[in-house]
Amino acid sequence: YQLVVKDGQAGTEYGRLTFEGDWADLAISSYDANSD
């Protein structure tokens, strides 16, 4: 599994995450988890 993130303004790739292992029921969300 990979999560590819595109910059919403520039349209370029912001980053890419690859998840090791065999995953099921993946859910993605976003919020300020570390209060920065």
ModelCIF file with pLDDT and N, C-alpha, C, O atoms, coordinates in Angstrom:
data_MODEL
#
_entry.id   MODEL 
#
_entity.id                         1 
_entity.type                       polymer 
_entity.pdbx_number_of_molecules   1 
#
_entity_poly.entity_id                      1 
_entity_poly.type                           'polypeptide(L)' 
_entity_poly.nstd_linkage                   no 
_entity_poly.nstd_monomer                   no 
_entity_poly.pdbx_seq_one_letter_code       YQLVVKDGQAGTEYGRLTFEGDWADLAISSYDANSD 
_entity_poly.pdbx_seq_one_letter_code_can   YQLVVKDGQAGTEYGRLTFEGDWADLAISSYDANSD 
_entity_poly.pdbx_strand_id                 A 
#
loop_
_entity_poly_seq.entity_id 
_entity_poly_seq.num 
_entity_poly_seq.mon_id 
_entity_poly_seq.hetero 
1 1  TYR n 
1 2  GLN n 
1 3  LEU n 
1 4  VAL n 
1 5  VAL n 
1 6  LYS n 
1 7  ASP n 
1 8  GLY n 
1 9  GLN n 
1 10 ALA n 
1 11 GLY n 
1 12 THR n 
1 13 GLU n 
1 14 TYR n 
1 15 GLY n 
1 16 ARG n 
1 17 LEU n 
1 18 THR n 
1 19 PHE n 
1 20 GLU n 
1 21 GLY n 
1 22 ASP n 
1 23 TRP n 
1 24 ALA n 
1 25 ASP n 
1 26 LEU n 
1 27 ALA n 
1 28 ILE n 
1 29 SER n 
1 30 SER n 
1 31 TYR n 
1 32 ASP n 
1 33 ALA n 
1 34 ASN n 
1 35 SER n 
1 36 ASP n 
#
_struct_asym.id          A 
_struct_asym.entity_id   1 
#
loop_
_ma_qa_metric.id 
_ma_qa_metric.mode 
_ma_qa_metric.name 
_ma_qa_metric.software_group_id 
_ma_qa_metric.type 
1 global pLDDT . pLDDT 
2 local  pLDDT . pLDDT 
#
_ma_qa_metric_global.metric_id      1 
_ma_qa_metric_global.metric_value   92.58 
_ma_qa_metric_global.model_id       1 
_ma_qa_metric_global.ordinal_id     1 
#
loop_
_ma_qa_metric_local.label_asym_id 
_ma_qa_metric_local.label_comp_id 
_ma_qa_metric_local.label_seq_id 
_ma_qa_metric_local.metric_id 
_ma_qa_metric_local.metric_value 
_ma_qa_metric_local.model_id 
_ma_qa_metric_local.ordinal_id 
A TYR 1  2 94.00 1 1  
A GLN 2  2 96.00 1 2  
A LEU 3  2 96.00 1 3  
A VAL 4  2 96.00 1 4  
A VAL 5  2 95.00 1 5  
A LYS 6  2 94.00 1 6  
A ASP 7  2 92.00 1 7  
A GLY 8  2 86.00 1 8  
A GLN 9  2 87.00 1 9  
A ALA 10 2 87.00 1 10 
A GLY 11 2 86.00 1 11 
A THR 12 2 92.00 1 12 
A GLU 13 2 94.00 1 13 
A TYR 14 2 94.00 1 14 
A GLY 15 2 95.00 1 15 
A ARG 16 2 95.00 1 16 
A LEU 17 2 96.00 1 17 
A THR 18 2 95.00 1 18 
A PHE 19 2 93.00 1 19 
A GLU 20 2 88.00 1 20 
A GLY 21 2 86.00 1 21 
A ASP 22 2 90.00 1 22 
A TRP 23 2 92.00 1 23 
A ALA 24 2 92.00 1 24 
A ASP 25 2 93.00 1 25 
A LEU 26 2 94.00 1 26 
A ALA 27 2 95.00 1 27 
A ILE 28 2 95.00 1 28 
A SER 29 2 95.00 1 29 
A SER 30 2 93.00 1 30 
A TYR 31 2 92.00 1 31 
A ASP 32 2 94.00 1 32 
A ALA 33 2 94.00 1 33 
A ASN 34 2 93.00 1 34 
A SER 35 2 93.00 1 35 
A ASP 36 2 91.00 1 36 
#
loop_
_atom_site.group_PDB 
_atom_site.id 
_atom_site.type_symbol 
_atom_site.label_atom_id 
_atom_site.label_alt_id 
_atom_site.label_comp_id 
_atom_site.label_asym_id 
_atom_site.label_entity_id 
_atom_site.label_seq_id 
_atom_site.pdbx_PDB_ins_code 
_atom_site.Cartn_x 
_atom_site.Cartn_y 
_atom_site.Cartn_z 
_atom_site.occupancy 
_atom_site.B_iso_or_equiv 
_atom_site.pdbx_formal_charge 
_atom_site.auth_seq_id 
_atom_site.auth_comp_id 
_atom_site.auth_asym_id 
_atom_site.auth_atom_id 
_atom_site.pdbx_PDB_model_num 
ATOM 1   N N  . TYR A 1 1  ? 0.833  -1.192 0.000  1.00 94.00 ? 1  TYR A N  1 
ATOM 2   C CA . TYR A 1 1  ? 0.000  0.000  0.000  1.00 94.00 ? 1  TYR A CA 1 
ATOM 3   C C  . TYR A 1 1  ? 0.867  1.240  0.000  1.00 94.00 ? 1  TYR A C  1 
ATOM 4   O O  . TYR A 1 1  ? 1.899  1.296  0.668  1.00 94.00 ? 1  TYR A O  1 
ATOM 5   N N  . GLN A 1 2  ? 0.431  2.236  -0.762 1.00 96.00 ? 2  GLN A N  1 
ATOM 6   C CA . GLN A 1 2  ? 1.115  3.531  -0.797 1.00 96.00 ? 2  GLN A CA 1 
ATOM 7   C C  . GLN A 1 2  ? 0.086  4.638  -0.677 1.00 96.00 ? 2  GLN A C  1 
ATOM 8   O O  . GLN A 1 2  ? -1.031 4.530  -1.183 1.00 96.00 ? 2  GLN A O  1 
ATOM 9   N N  . LEU A 1 3  ? 0.481  5.700  -0.001 1.00 96.00 ? 3  LEU A N  1 
ATOM 10  C CA . LEU A 1 3  ? -0.316 6.909  0.074  1.00 96.00 ? 3  LEU A CA 1 
ATOM 11  C C  . LEU A 1 3  ? 0.492  7.999  -0.610 1.00 96.00 ? 3  LEU A C  1 
ATOM 12  O O  . LEU A 1 3  ? 1.569  8.370  -0.143 1.00 96.00 ? 3  LEU A O  1 
ATOM 13  N N  . VAL A 1 4  ? -0.033 8.510  -1.719 1.00 96.00 ? 4  VAL A N  1 
ATOM 14  C CA . VAL A 1 4  ? 0.639  9.560  -2.464 1.00 96.00 ? 4  VAL A CA 1 
ATOM 15  C C  . VAL A 1 4  ? -0.095 10.860 -2.175 1.00 96.00 ? 4  VAL A C  1 
ATOM 16  O O  . VAL A 1 4  ? -1.308 10.953 -2.365 1.00 96.00 ? 4  VAL A O  1 
ATOM 17  N N  . VAL A 1 5  ? 0.647  11.865 -1.713 1.00 95.00 ? 5  VAL A N  1 
ATOM 18  C CA . VAL A 1 5  ? 0.061  13.155 -1.343 1.00 95.00 ? 5  VAL A CA 1 
ATOM 19  C C  . VAL A 1 5  ? 0.514  14.199 -2.350 1.00 95.00 ? 5  VAL A C  1 
ATOM 20  O O  . VAL A 1 5  ? 1.709  14.365 -2.597 1.00 95.00 ? 5  VAL A O  1 
ATOM 21  N N  . LYS A 1 6  ? -0.458 14.903 -2.930 1.00 94.00 ? 6  LYS A N  1 
ATOM 22  C CA . LYS A 1 6  ? -0.172 15.974 -3.880 1.00 94.00 ? 6  LYS A CA 1 
ATOM 23  C C  . LYS A 1 6  ? -0.417 17.321 -3.222 1.00 94.00 ? 6  LYS A C  1 
ATOM 24  O O  . LYS A 1 6  ? -1.380 17.491 -2.474 1.00 94.00 ? 6  LYS A O  1 
ATOM 25  N N  . ASP A 1 7  ? 0.450  18.267 -3.501 1.00 92.00 ? 7  ASP A N  1 
ATOM 26  C CA . ASP A 1 7  ? 0.279  19.636 -3.036 1.00 92.00 ? 7  ASP A CA 1 
ATOM 27  C C  . ASP A 1 7  ? -0.971 20.197 -3.717 1.00 92.00 ? 7  ASP A C  1 
ATOM 28  O O  . ASP A 1 7  ? -1.045 20.227 -4.945 1.00 92.00 ? 7  ASP A O  1 
ATOM 29  N N  . GLY A 1 8  ? -1.944 20.636 -2.934 1.00 86.00 ? 8  GLY A N  1 
ATOM 30  C CA . GLY A 1 8  ? -3.207 21.101 -3.486 1.00 86.00 ? 8  GLY A CA 1 
ATOM 31  C C  . GLY A 1 8  ? -3.090 22.358 -4.322 1.00 86.00 ? 8  GLY A C  1 
ATOM 32  O O  . GLY A 1 8  ? -3.895 22.574 -5.227 1.00 86.00 ? 8  GLY A O  1 
ATOM 33  N N  . GLN A 1 9  ? -2.110 23.185 -4.039 1.00 87.00 ? 9  GLN A N  1 
ATOM 34  C CA . GLN A 1 9  ? -1.955 24.434 -4.779 1.00 87.00 ? 9  GLN A CA 1 
ATOM 35  C C  . GLN A 1 9  ? -1.041 24.262 -5.995 1.00 87.00 ? 9  GLN A C  1 
ATOM 36  O O  . GLN A 1 9  ? -1.396 24.687 -7.095 1.00 87.00 ? 9  GLN A O  1 
ATOM 37  N N  . ALA A 1 10 ? 0.114  23.652 -5.813 1.00 87.00 ? 10 ALA A N  1 
ATOM 38  C CA . ALA A 1 10 ? 1.092  23.526 -6.900 1.00 87.00 ? 10 ALA A CA 1 
ATOM 39  C C  . ALA A 1 10 ? 0.816  22.330 -7.813 1.00 87.00 ? 10 ALA A C  1 
ATOM 40  O O  . ALA A 1 10 ? 1.240  22.324 -8.969 1.00 87.00 ? 10 ALA A O  1 
ATOM 41  N N  . GLY A 1 11 ? 0.104  21.313 -7.300 1.00 86.00 ? 11 GLY A N  1 
ATOM 42  C CA . GLY A 1 11 ? -0.168 20.128 -8.102 1.00 86.00 ? 11 GLY A CA 1 
ATOM 43  C C  . GLY A 1 11 ? 1.002  19.167 -8.186 1.00 86.00 ? 11 GLY A C  1 
ATOM 44  O O  . GLY A 1 11 ? 0.924  18.171 -8.905 1.00 86.00 ? 11 GLY A O  1 
ATOM 45  N N  . THR A 1 12 ? 2.079  19.437 -7.473 1.00 92.00 ? 12 THR A N  1 
ATOM 46  C CA . THR A 1 12 ? 3.244  18.556 -7.467 1.00 92.00 ? 12 THR A CA 1 
ATOM 47  C C  . THR A 1 12 ? 3.130  17.547 -6.327 1.00 92.00 ? 12 THR A C  1 
ATOM 48  O O  . THR A 1 12 ? 2.303  17.705 -5.429 1.00 92.00 ? 12 THR A O  1 
ATOM 49  N N  . GLU A 1 13 ? 3.959  16.519 -6.368 1.00 94.00 ? 13 GLU A N  1 
ATOM 50  C CA . GLU A 1 13 ? 3.929  15.528 -5.301 1.00 94.00 ? 13 GLU A CA 1 
ATOM 51  C C  . GLU A 1 13 ? 4.523  16.123 -4.030 1.00 94.00 ? 13 GLU A C  1 
ATOM 52  O O  . GLU A 1 13 ? 5.652  16.615 -4.024 1.00 94.00 ? 13 GLU A O  1 
ATOM 53  N N  . TYR A 1 14 ? 3.742  16.067 -2.956 1.00 94.00 ? 14 TYR A N  1 
ATOM 54  C CA . TYR A 1 14 ? 4.187  16.560 -1.656 1.00 94.00 ? 14 TYR A CA 1 
ATOM 55  C C  . TYR A 1 14 ? 4.975  15.474 -0.927 1.00 94.00 ? 14 TYR A C  1 
ATOM 56  O O  . TYR A 1 14 ? 5.947  15.764 -0.229 1.00 94.00 ? 14 TYR A O  1 
ATOM 57  N N  . GLY A 1 15 ? 4.555  14.239 -1.091 1.00 95.00 ? 15 GLY A N  1 
ATOM 58  C CA . GLY A 1 15 ? 5.240  13.124 -0.449 1.00 95.00 ? 15 GLY A CA 1 
ATOM 59  C C  . GLY A 1 15 ? 4.556  11.807 -0.737 1.00 95.00 ? 15 GLY A C  1 
ATOM 60  O O  . GLY A 1 15 ? 3.463  11.758 -1.301 1.00 95.00 ? 15 GLY A O  1 
ATOM 61  N N  . ARG A 1 16 ? 5.229  10.734 -0.335 1.00 95.00 ? 16 ARG A N  1 
ATOM 62  C CA . ARG A 1 16 ? 4.727  9.385  -0.600 1.00 95.00 ? 16 ARG A CA 1 
ATOM 63  C C  . ARG A 1 16 ? 5.080  8.511  0.591  1.00 95.00 ? 16 ARG A C  1 
ATOM 64  O O  . ARG A 1 16 ? 6.223  8.491  1.048  1.00 95.00 ? 16 ARG A O  1 
ATOM 65  N N  . LEU A 1 17 ? 4.075  7.783  1.092  1.00 96.00 ? 17 LEU A N  1 
ATOM 66  C CA . LEU A 1 17 ? 4.285  6.861  2.205  1.00 96.00 ? 17 LEU A CA 1 
ATOM 67  C C  . LEU A 1 17 ? 4.024  5.450  1.710  1.00 96.00 ? 17 LEU A C  1 
ATOM 68  O O  . LEU A 1 17 ? 3.021  5.203  1.040  1.00 96.00 ? 17 LEU A O  1 
ATOM 69  N N  . THR A 1 18 ? 4.915  4.524  2.031  1.00 95.00 ? 18 THR A N  1 
ATOM 70  C CA . THR A 1 18 ? 4.741  3.115  1.685  1.00 95.00 ? 18 THR A CA 1 
ATOM 71  C C  . THR A 1 18 ? 4.594  2.337  2.979  1.00 95.00 ? 18 THR A C  1 
ATOM 72  O O  . THR A 1 18 ? 5.406  2.475  3.893  1.00 95.00 ? 18 THR A O  1 
ATOM 73  N N  . PHE A 1 19 ? 3.552  1.516  3.053  1.00 93.00 ? 19 PHE A N  1 
ATOM 74  C CA . PHE A 1 19 ? 3.252  0.772  4.270  1.00 93.00 ? 19 PHE A CA 1 
ATOM 75  C C  . PHE A 1 19 ? 3.708  -0.668 4.130  1.00 93.00 ? 19 PHE A C  1 
ATOM 76  O O  . PHE A 1 19 ? 3.231  -1.408 3.270  1.00 93.00 ? 19 PHE A O  1 
ATOM 77  N N  . GLU A 1 20 ? 4.638  -1.050 4.989  1.00 88.00 ? 20 GLU A N  1 
ATOM 78  C CA . GLU A 1 20 ? 5.168  -2.411 4.987  1.00 88.00 ? 20 GLU A CA 1 
ATOM 79  C C  . GLU A 1 20 ? 4.134  -3.353 5.588  1.00 88.00 ? 20 GLU A C  1 
ATOM 80  O O  . GLU A 1 20 ? 3.324  -2.943 6.420  1.00 88.00 ? 20 GLU A O  1 
ATOM 81  N N  . GLY A 1 21 ? 4.160  -4.605 5.173  1.00 86.00 ? 21 GLY A N  1 
ATOM 82  C CA . GLY A 1 21 ? 3.259  -5.608 5.727  1.00 86.00 ? 21 GLY A CA 1 
ATOM 83  C C  . GLY A 1 21 ? 2.006  -5.776 4.888  1.00 86.00 ? 21 GLY A C  1 
ATOM 84  O O  . GLY A 1 21 ? 1.868  -5.181 3.820  1.00 86.00 ? 21 GLY A O  1 
ATOM 85  N N  . ASP A 1 22 ? 1.104  -6.593 5.388  1.00 90.00 ? 22 ASP A N  1 
ATOM 86  C CA . ASP A 1 22 ? -0.151 -6.900 4.717  1.00 90.00 ? 22 ASP A CA 1 
ATOM 87  C C  . ASP A 1 22 ? -1.269 -6.239 5.513  1.00 90.00 ? 22 ASP A C  1 
ATOM 88  O O  . ASP A 1 22 ? -1.570 -6.657 6.631  1.00 90.00 ? 22 ASP A O  1 
ATOM 89  N N  . TRP A 1 23 ? -1.882 -5.215 4.943  1.00 92.00 ? 23 TRP A N  1 
ATOM 90  C CA . TRP A 1 23 ? -2.863 -4.393 5.643  1.00 92.00 ? 23 TRP A CA 1 
ATOM 91  C C  . TRP A 1 23 ? -4.272 -4.639 5.125  1.00 92.00 ? 23 TRP A C  1 
ATOM 92  O O  . TRP A 1 23 ? -4.475 -5.033 3.977  1.00 92.00 ? 23 TRP A O  1 
ATOM 93  N N  . ALA A 1 24 ? -5.238 -4.397 6.003  1.00 92.00 ? 24 ALA A N  1 
ATOM 94  C CA . ALA A 1 24 ? -6.654 -4.435 5.640  1.00 92.00 ? 24 ALA A CA 1 
ATOM 95  C C  . ALA A 1 24 ? -7.349 -3.300 6.381  1.00 92.00 ? 24 ALA A C  1 
ATOM 96  O O  . ALA A 1 24 ? -6.842 -2.800 7.385  1.00 92.00 ? 24 ALA A O  1 
ATOM 97  N N  . ASP A 1 25 ? -8.489 -2.905 5.890  1.00 93.00 ? 25 ASP A N  1 
ATOM 98  C CA . ASP A 1 25 ? -9.333 -1.897 6.547  1.00 93.00 ? 25 ASP A CA 1 
ATOM 99  C C  . ASP A 1 25 ? -8.579 -0.598 6.816  1.00 93.00 ? 25 ASP A C  1 
ATOM 100 O O  . ASP A 1 25 ? -8.714 -0.011 7.889  1.00 93.00 ? 25 ASP A O  1 
ATOM 101 N N  . LEU A 1 26 ? -7.784 -0.148 5.843  1.00 94.00 ? 26 LEU A N  1 
ATOM 102 C CA . LEU A 1 26 ? -7.023 1.091  6.016  1.00 94.00 ? 26 LEU A CA 1 
ATOM 103 C C  . LEU A 1 26 ? -7.940 2.306  5.942  1.00 94.00 ? 26 LEU A C  1 
ATOM 104 O O  . LEU A 1 26 ? -8.816 2.388  5.081  1.00 94.00 ? 26 LEU A O  1 
ATOM 105 N N  . ALA A 1 27 ? -7.727 3.237  6.848  1.00 95.00 ? 27 ALA A N  1 
ATOM 106 C CA . ALA A 1 27 ? -8.466 4.497  6.864  1.00 95.00 ? 27 ALA A CA 1 
ATOM 107 C C  . ALA A 1 27 ? -7.471 5.626  7.094  1.00 95.00 ? 27 ALA A C  1 
ATOM 108 O O  . ALA A 1 27 ? -6.585 5.524  7.942  1.00 95.00 ? 27 ALA A O  1 
ATOM 109 N N  . ILE A 1 28 ? -7.628 6.697  6.334  1.00 95.00 ? 28 ILE A N  1 
ATOM 110 C CA . ILE A 1 28 ? -6.718 7.837  6.401  1.00 95.00 ? 28 ILE A CA 1 
ATOM 111 C C  . ILE A 1 28 ? -7.495 9.051  6.892  1.00 95.00 ? 28 ILE A C  1 
ATOM 112 O O  . ILE A 1 28 ? -8.609 9.305  6.435  1.00 95.00 ? 28 ILE A O  1 
ATOM 113 N N  . SER A 1 29 ? -6.914 9.796  7.812  1.00 95.00 ? 29 SER A N  1 
ATOM 114 C CA . SER A 1 29 ? -7.509 11.051 8.259  1.00 95.00 ? 29 SER A CA 1 
ATOM 115 C C  . SER A 1 29 ? -6.384 12.035 8.533  1.00 95.00 ? 29 SER A C  1 
ATOM 116 O O  . SER A 1 29 ? -5.207 11.680 8.486  1.00 95.00 ? 29 SER A O  1 
ATOM 117 N N  . SER A 1 30 ? -6.760 13.275 8.818  1.00 93.00 ? 30 SER A N  1 
ATOM 118 C CA . SER A 1 30 ? -5.731 14.260 9.150  1.00 93.00 ? 30 SER A CA 1 
ATOM 119 C C  . SER A 1 30 ? -6.271 15.230 10.190 1.00 93.00 ? 30 SER A C  1 
ATOM 120 O O  . SER A 1 30 ? -7.433 15.636 10.144 1.00 93.00 ? 30 SER A O  1 
ATOM 121 N N  . TYR A 1 31 ? -5.423 15.583 11.107 1.00 92.00 ? 31 TYR A N  1 
ATOM 122 C CA . TYR A 1 31 ? -5.669 16.614 12.114 1.00 92.00 ? 31 TYR A CA 1 
ATOM 123 C C  . TYR A 1 31 ? -4.332 16.931 12.762 1.00 92.00 ? 31 TYR A C  1 
ATOM 124 O O  . TYR A 1 31 ? -3.342 16.239 12.524 1.00 92.00 ? 31 TYR A O  1 
ATOM 125 N N  . ASP A 1 32 ? -4.303 17.951 13.562 1.00 94.00 ? 32 ASP A N  1 
ATOM 126 C CA . ASP A 1 32 ? -3.058 18.366 14.219 1.00 94.00 ? 32 ASP A CA 1 
ATOM 127 C C  . ASP A 1 32 ? -2.812 17.485 15.442 1.00 94.00 ? 32 ASP A C  1 
ATOM 128 O O  . ASP A 1 32 ? -3.186 17.845 16.558 1.00 94.00 ? 32 ASP A O  1 
ATOM 129 N N  . ALA A 1 33 ? -2.187 16.341 15.228 1.00 94.00 ? 33 ALA A N  1 
ATOM 130 C CA . ALA A 1 33 ? -1.986 15.356 16.291 1.00 94.00 ? 33 ALA A CA 1 
ATOM 131 C C  . ALA A 1 33 ? -0.929 15.768 17.312 1.00 94.00 ? 33 ALA A C  1 
ATOM 132 O O  . ALA A 1 33 ? -0.993 15.337 18.463 1.00 94.00 ? 33 ALA A O  1 
ATOM 133 N N  . ASN A 1 34 ? 0.043  16.592 16.916 1.00 93.00 ? 34 ASN A N  1 
ATOM 134 C CA . ASN A 1 34 ? 1.131  16.954 17.827 1.00 93.00 ? 34 ASN A CA 1 
ATOM 135 C C  . ASN A 1 34 ? 1.075  18.420 18.259 1.00 93.00 ? 34 ASN A C  1 
ATOM 136 O O  . ASN A 1 34 ? 2.042  18.939 18.816 1.00 93.00 ? 34 ASN A O  1 
ATOM 137 N N  . SER A 1 35 ? -0.044 19.082 18.007 1.00 93.00 ? 35 SER A N  1 
ATOM 138 C CA . SER A 1 35 ? -0.293 20.463 18.463 1.00 93.00 ? 35 SER A CA 1 
ATOM 139 C C  . SER A 1 35 ? 0.773  21.456 18.019 1.00 93.00 ? 35 SER A C  1 
ATOM 140 O O  . SER A 1 35 ? 1.146  22.354 18.775 1.00 93.00 ? 35 SER A O  1 
ATOM 141 N N  . ASP A 1 36 ? 1.267  21.292 16.784 1.00 91.00 ? 36 ASP A N  1 
ATOM 142 C CA . ASP A 1 36 ? 2.262  22.239 16.272 1.00 91.00 ? 36 ASP A CA 1 
ATOM 143 C C  . ASP A 1 36 ? 1.642  23.259 15.315 1.00 91.00 ? 36 ASP A C  1 
ATOM 144 O O  . ASP A 1 36 ? 2.346  24.125 14.796 1.00 91.00 ? 36 ASP A O  1 
#
